[in-house]
N, C-alpha and C. Protein backbone atom coordinates (compact mmCIF):
# COMPACT_ATOMS: atom_id res chain seq x y z
N MET A 1 80.52 93.46 130.21
CA MET A 1 80.35 94.82 130.68
C MET A 1 79.34 95.53 129.79
N ASN A 2 78.38 96.16 130.41
CA ASN A 2 77.31 96.86 129.69
C ASN A 2 77.78 98.25 129.28
N PRO A 3 77.89 98.52 127.96
CA PRO A 3 78.35 99.86 127.56
C PRO A 3 77.33 100.94 127.88
N GLN A 4 76.06 100.56 128.00
CA GLN A 4 75.01 101.51 128.32
C GLN A 4 74.31 101.06 129.60
N ILE A 5 74.52 101.78 130.69
CA ILE A 5 73.88 101.45 131.97
C ILE A 5 72.41 101.85 131.88
N PRO A 6 71.49 100.98 132.26
CA PRO A 6 70.07 101.36 132.24
C PRO A 6 69.80 102.57 133.13
N GLN A 7 68.99 103.48 132.63
CA GLN A 7 68.59 104.67 133.37
C GLN A 7 67.12 104.51 133.78
N LEU A 8 66.86 104.49 135.07
CA LEU A 8 65.51 104.26 135.57
C LEU A 8 64.85 105.57 135.99
N THR A 9 63.55 105.68 135.74
CA THR A 9 62.78 106.79 136.29
C THR A 9 62.54 106.48 137.76
N PRO A 10 62.15 107.48 138.55
CA PRO A 10 61.81 107.18 139.95
C PRO A 10 60.72 106.12 140.08
N ALA A 11 59.72 106.16 139.20
CA ALA A 11 58.65 105.14 139.27
C ALA A 11 59.20 103.74 139.01
N GLN A 12 60.08 103.61 138.01
CA GLN A 12 60.68 102.31 137.73
C GLN A 12 61.53 101.83 138.90
N ALA A 13 62.31 102.75 139.47
CA ALA A 13 63.16 102.39 140.61
C ALA A 13 62.32 101.96 141.80
N ALA A 14 61.23 102.66 142.06
CA ALA A 14 60.37 102.33 143.20
C ALA A 14 59.74 100.96 143.04
N ASP A 15 59.51 100.54 141.79
CA ASP A 15 58.92 99.23 141.53
C ASP A 15 59.90 98.07 141.72
N ARG A 16 61.18 98.37 141.72
CA ARG A 16 62.19 97.31 141.83
C ARG A 16 62.54 97.06 143.30
N THR A 17 61.60 96.48 144.00
CA THR A 17 61.73 96.32 145.44
C THR A 17 62.83 95.33 145.84
N ALA A 18 63.25 94.46 144.93
CA ALA A 18 64.30 93.50 145.25
C ALA A 18 65.69 94.13 145.15
N ALA A 19 65.77 95.31 144.56
CA ALA A 19 67.07 95.94 144.33
C ALA A 19 67.61 96.63 145.59
N VAL A 20 68.93 96.71 145.66
CA VAL A 20 69.61 97.51 146.66
C VAL A 20 69.72 98.92 146.09
N VAL A 21 69.20 99.91 146.82
CA VAL A 21 69.36 101.31 146.40
C VAL A 21 70.63 101.82 147.06
N LEU A 22 71.61 102.17 146.23
CA LEU A 22 72.91 102.61 146.73
C LEU A 22 73.04 104.12 146.56
N ASP A 23 73.06 104.84 147.67
CA ASP A 23 73.21 106.30 147.67
C ASP A 23 74.69 106.61 147.78
N VAL A 24 75.25 107.26 146.75
CA VAL A 24 76.70 107.53 146.72
C VAL A 24 77.03 108.98 147.05
N ARG A 25 76.06 109.73 147.58
CA ARG A 25 76.32 111.12 147.98
C ARG A 25 77.18 111.16 149.23
N GLU A 26 77.71 112.35 149.53
CA GLU A 26 78.47 112.55 150.76
C GLU A 26 77.51 112.56 151.95
N ALA A 27 78.02 112.25 153.13
CA ALA A 27 77.18 112.14 154.33
C ALA A 27 76.36 113.41 154.58
N ALA A 28 76.94 114.58 154.39
CA ALA A 28 76.24 115.83 154.65
C ALA A 28 75.02 116.00 153.75
N GLU A 29 75.04 115.40 152.58
CA GLU A 29 73.92 115.52 151.63
C GLU A 29 72.71 114.69 152.05
N LEU A 30 72.91 113.71 152.91
CA LEU A 30 71.81 112.84 153.31
C LEU A 30 70.74 113.60 154.07
N ALA A 31 71.09 114.73 154.67
CA ALA A 31 70.13 115.55 155.40
C ALA A 31 69.04 116.09 154.48
N GLU A 32 69.33 116.13 153.18
CA GLU A 32 68.35 116.62 152.20
C GLU A 32 67.26 115.58 151.94
N GLY A 33 67.42 114.40 152.51
CA GLY A 33 66.46 113.32 152.31
C GLY A 33 67.12 112.18 151.57
N ARG A 34 66.69 110.99 151.90
CA ARG A 34 67.21 109.81 151.23
C ARG A 34 66.08 108.83 151.02
N ILE A 35 66.29 107.89 150.11
CA ILE A 35 65.29 106.87 149.84
C ILE A 35 65.30 105.88 151.00
N ALA A 36 64.13 105.64 151.56
CA ALA A 36 64.02 104.73 152.72
C ALA A 36 64.63 103.38 152.38
N GLY A 37 65.45 102.88 153.30
CA GLY A 37 66.07 101.57 153.13
C GLY A 37 67.32 101.57 152.26
N SER A 38 67.72 102.76 151.78
CA SER A 38 68.90 102.81 150.92
C SER A 38 70.17 102.55 151.71
N THR A 39 71.18 102.07 150.99
CA THR A 39 72.51 101.84 151.55
C THR A 39 73.37 103.04 151.18
N HIS A 40 74.13 103.55 152.15
CA HIS A 40 74.97 104.72 151.88
C HIS A 40 76.44 104.34 151.84
N ILE A 41 77.04 104.52 150.67
CA ILE A 41 78.49 104.38 150.51
C ILE A 41 78.91 105.55 149.60
N PRO A 42 79.60 106.57 150.14
CA PRO A 42 80.03 107.69 149.29
C PRO A 42 80.86 107.20 148.11
N LEU A 43 80.71 107.88 146.97
CA LEU A 43 81.39 107.46 145.75
C LEU A 43 82.88 107.21 145.97
N GLY A 44 83.54 108.09 146.69
CA GLY A 44 84.98 107.95 146.91
C GLY A 44 85.37 106.71 147.70
N GLN A 45 84.42 106.15 148.46
CA GLN A 45 84.70 104.95 149.26
C GLN A 45 84.26 103.67 148.55
N LEU A 46 83.56 103.81 147.43
CA LEU A 46 82.98 102.64 146.78
C LEU A 46 84.00 101.57 146.38
N PRO A 47 85.15 101.93 145.76
CA PRO A 47 86.08 100.86 145.39
C PRO A 47 86.51 99.99 146.57
N ALA A 48 86.64 100.59 147.75
CA ALA A 48 87.07 99.84 148.93
C ALA A 48 85.91 99.13 149.64
N ARG A 49 84.67 99.55 149.35
CA ARG A 49 83.53 99.02 150.11
C ARG A 49 82.51 98.28 149.26
N ALA A 50 82.77 98.12 147.96
CA ALA A 50 81.80 97.44 147.10
C ALA A 50 81.47 96.04 147.60
N PHE A 51 82.41 95.41 148.29
CA PHE A 51 82.18 94.05 148.81
C PHE A 51 80.99 94.01 149.77
N GLU A 52 80.58 95.17 150.31
CA GLU A 52 79.45 95.21 151.24
C GLU A 52 78.11 94.98 150.54
N LEU A 53 78.10 95.11 149.23
CA LEU A 53 76.86 94.94 148.46
C LEU A 53 76.62 93.47 148.14
N ASP A 54 75.37 93.07 148.17
CA ASP A 54 74.97 91.69 147.88
C ASP A 54 74.96 91.49 146.37
N ARG A 55 75.88 90.69 145.87
CA ARG A 55 75.96 90.44 144.41
C ARG A 55 74.73 89.73 143.87
N ALA A 56 73.95 89.09 144.73
CA ALA A 56 72.77 88.36 144.28
C ALA A 56 71.59 89.30 144.01
N ARG A 57 71.70 90.56 144.40
CA ARG A 57 70.61 91.52 144.21
C ARG A 57 71.03 92.61 143.23
N PRO A 58 70.10 93.06 142.38
CA PRO A 58 70.43 94.19 141.50
C PRO A 58 70.67 95.46 142.33
N VAL A 59 71.45 96.37 141.79
CA VAL A 59 71.78 97.62 142.48
C VAL A 59 71.28 98.79 141.65
N ILE A 60 70.65 99.75 142.33
CA ILE A 60 70.26 101.01 141.69
C ILE A 60 71.07 102.11 142.36
N THR A 61 71.90 102.81 141.58
CA THR A 61 72.73 103.86 142.13
C THR A 61 71.99 105.20 142.09
N VAL A 62 72.24 106.02 143.11
CA VAL A 62 71.58 107.34 143.20
C VAL A 62 72.53 108.36 143.83
N CYS A 63 72.46 109.59 143.33
CA CYS A 63 73.16 110.72 143.94
C CYS A 63 72.22 111.92 143.85
N ARG A 64 72.75 113.14 143.86
CA ARG A 64 71.87 114.31 143.81
C ARG A 64 71.19 114.45 142.45
N SER A 65 71.99 114.38 141.35
CA SER A 65 71.40 114.64 140.03
C SER A 65 71.67 113.55 139.00
N GLY A 66 72.53 112.59 139.30
CA GLY A 66 72.77 111.48 138.40
C GLY A 66 74.20 111.34 137.90
N GLY A 67 75.05 112.34 138.12
CA GLY A 67 76.43 112.28 137.64
C GLY A 67 77.31 111.29 138.39
N ARG A 68 77.37 111.47 139.70
CA ARG A 68 78.21 110.57 140.51
C ARG A 68 77.65 109.15 140.50
N SER A 69 76.33 109.03 140.51
CA SER A 69 75.75 107.68 140.50
C SER A 69 76.02 106.98 139.17
N SER A 70 76.12 107.74 138.08
CA SER A 70 76.50 107.13 136.79
C SER A 70 77.91 106.57 136.87
N GLN A 71 78.81 107.31 137.51
CA GLN A 71 80.19 106.82 137.70
C GLN A 71 80.18 105.56 138.55
N ALA A 72 79.40 105.57 139.62
CA ALA A 72 79.31 104.40 140.50
C ALA A 72 78.74 103.20 139.74
N ALA A 73 77.72 103.45 138.90
CA ALA A 73 77.12 102.36 138.13
C ALA A 73 78.12 101.75 137.16
N ARG A 74 78.91 102.59 136.49
CA ARG A 74 79.91 102.07 135.57
C ARG A 74 80.95 101.24 136.32
N PHE A 75 81.37 101.71 137.49
CA PHE A 75 82.33 100.96 138.29
C PHE A 75 81.76 99.60 138.68
N LEU A 76 80.53 99.60 139.21
CA LEU A 76 79.92 98.34 139.66
C LEU A 76 79.66 97.40 138.50
N ASP A 77 79.26 97.94 137.36
CA ASP A 77 79.07 97.11 136.17
C ASP A 77 80.38 96.41 135.82
N GLY A 78 81.47 97.13 135.90
CA GLY A 78 82.78 96.55 135.62
C GLY A 78 83.20 95.49 136.62
N GLN A 79 82.58 95.54 137.81
CA GLN A 79 82.87 94.54 138.84
C GLN A 79 81.88 93.36 138.77
N GLY A 80 80.99 93.38 137.78
CA GLY A 80 80.08 92.26 137.59
C GLY A 80 78.73 92.39 138.25
N TYR A 81 78.40 93.55 138.79
CA TYR A 81 77.09 93.73 139.41
C TYR A 81 76.02 94.00 138.35
N ASP A 82 74.79 93.60 138.64
CA ASP A 82 73.62 93.94 137.84
C ASP A 82 73.20 95.33 138.33
N VAL A 83 73.44 96.36 137.53
CA VAL A 83 73.29 97.73 138.03
C VAL A 83 72.49 98.60 137.08
N ALA A 84 71.76 99.55 137.66
CA ALA A 84 71.04 100.58 136.92
C ALA A 84 71.23 101.89 137.69
N ASN A 85 70.99 103.01 137.01
CA ASN A 85 71.17 104.33 137.61
C ASN A 85 69.81 105.02 137.70
N LEU A 86 69.58 105.75 138.80
CA LEU A 86 68.36 106.56 138.94
C LEU A 86 68.55 107.85 138.15
N ASP A 87 67.84 107.96 137.03
CA ASP A 87 67.95 109.12 136.15
C ASP A 87 67.42 110.36 136.87
N GLY A 88 68.27 111.39 136.96
CA GLY A 88 67.87 112.62 137.63
C GLY A 88 68.11 112.63 139.12
N GLY A 89 68.52 111.50 139.67
CA GLY A 89 68.90 111.41 141.08
C GLY A 89 67.81 111.83 142.06
N MET A 90 68.27 112.23 143.25
CA MET A 90 67.34 112.64 144.31
C MET A 90 66.57 113.89 143.92
N THR A 91 67.16 114.74 143.08
CA THR A 91 66.47 115.94 142.64
C THR A 91 65.16 115.56 141.95
N ARG A 92 65.23 114.61 141.03
CA ARG A 92 64.02 114.16 140.31
C ARG A 92 63.10 113.37 141.23
N TRP A 93 63.68 112.50 142.08
CA TRP A 93 62.88 111.69 143.02
C TRP A 93 61.99 112.61 143.86
N ILE A 94 62.58 113.66 144.43
CA ILE A 94 61.83 114.60 145.29
C ILE A 94 60.84 115.41 144.45
N ALA A 95 61.27 115.85 143.27
CA ALA A 95 60.39 116.65 142.40
C ALA A 95 59.14 115.89 142.01
N GLU A 96 59.24 114.57 141.92
CA GLU A 96 58.09 113.74 141.56
C GLU A 96 57.26 113.35 142.79
N GLY A 97 57.63 113.88 143.96
CA GLY A 97 56.85 113.64 145.16
C GLY A 97 57.06 112.28 145.79
N ARG A 98 58.17 111.62 145.46
CA ARG A 98 58.47 110.31 146.05
C ARG A 98 58.86 110.49 147.51
N PRO A 99 58.58 109.48 148.34
CA PRO A 99 58.88 109.60 149.78
C PRO A 99 60.37 109.55 150.07
N THR A 100 60.75 110.30 151.10
CA THR A 100 62.15 110.28 151.58
C THR A 100 62.15 109.99 153.07
N ALA A 101 63.28 109.50 153.53
CA ALA A 101 63.44 109.19 154.96
C ALA A 101 64.30 110.25 155.61
């Protein structure tokens, strides 16, 4: 178990094309924009739905600002996933002009 989950900038996350981007925000928050191709599993549903994620691919967790996604990353790390967190979440992603779907 990794005591320190890697924190990725939006540029670093965008470069990791093999990774699954896991959006853990609530459904209503997705209207604010999401990363194209991301998988949506709200944080509260993650323990029951983590099996939906491909263990063979790294996971990048994302939420609005980074708090909930940090919790999700710690949970997934404890389950044996190769995981990193998007530092600053969607707020930073959008502020840096990254594309949203």
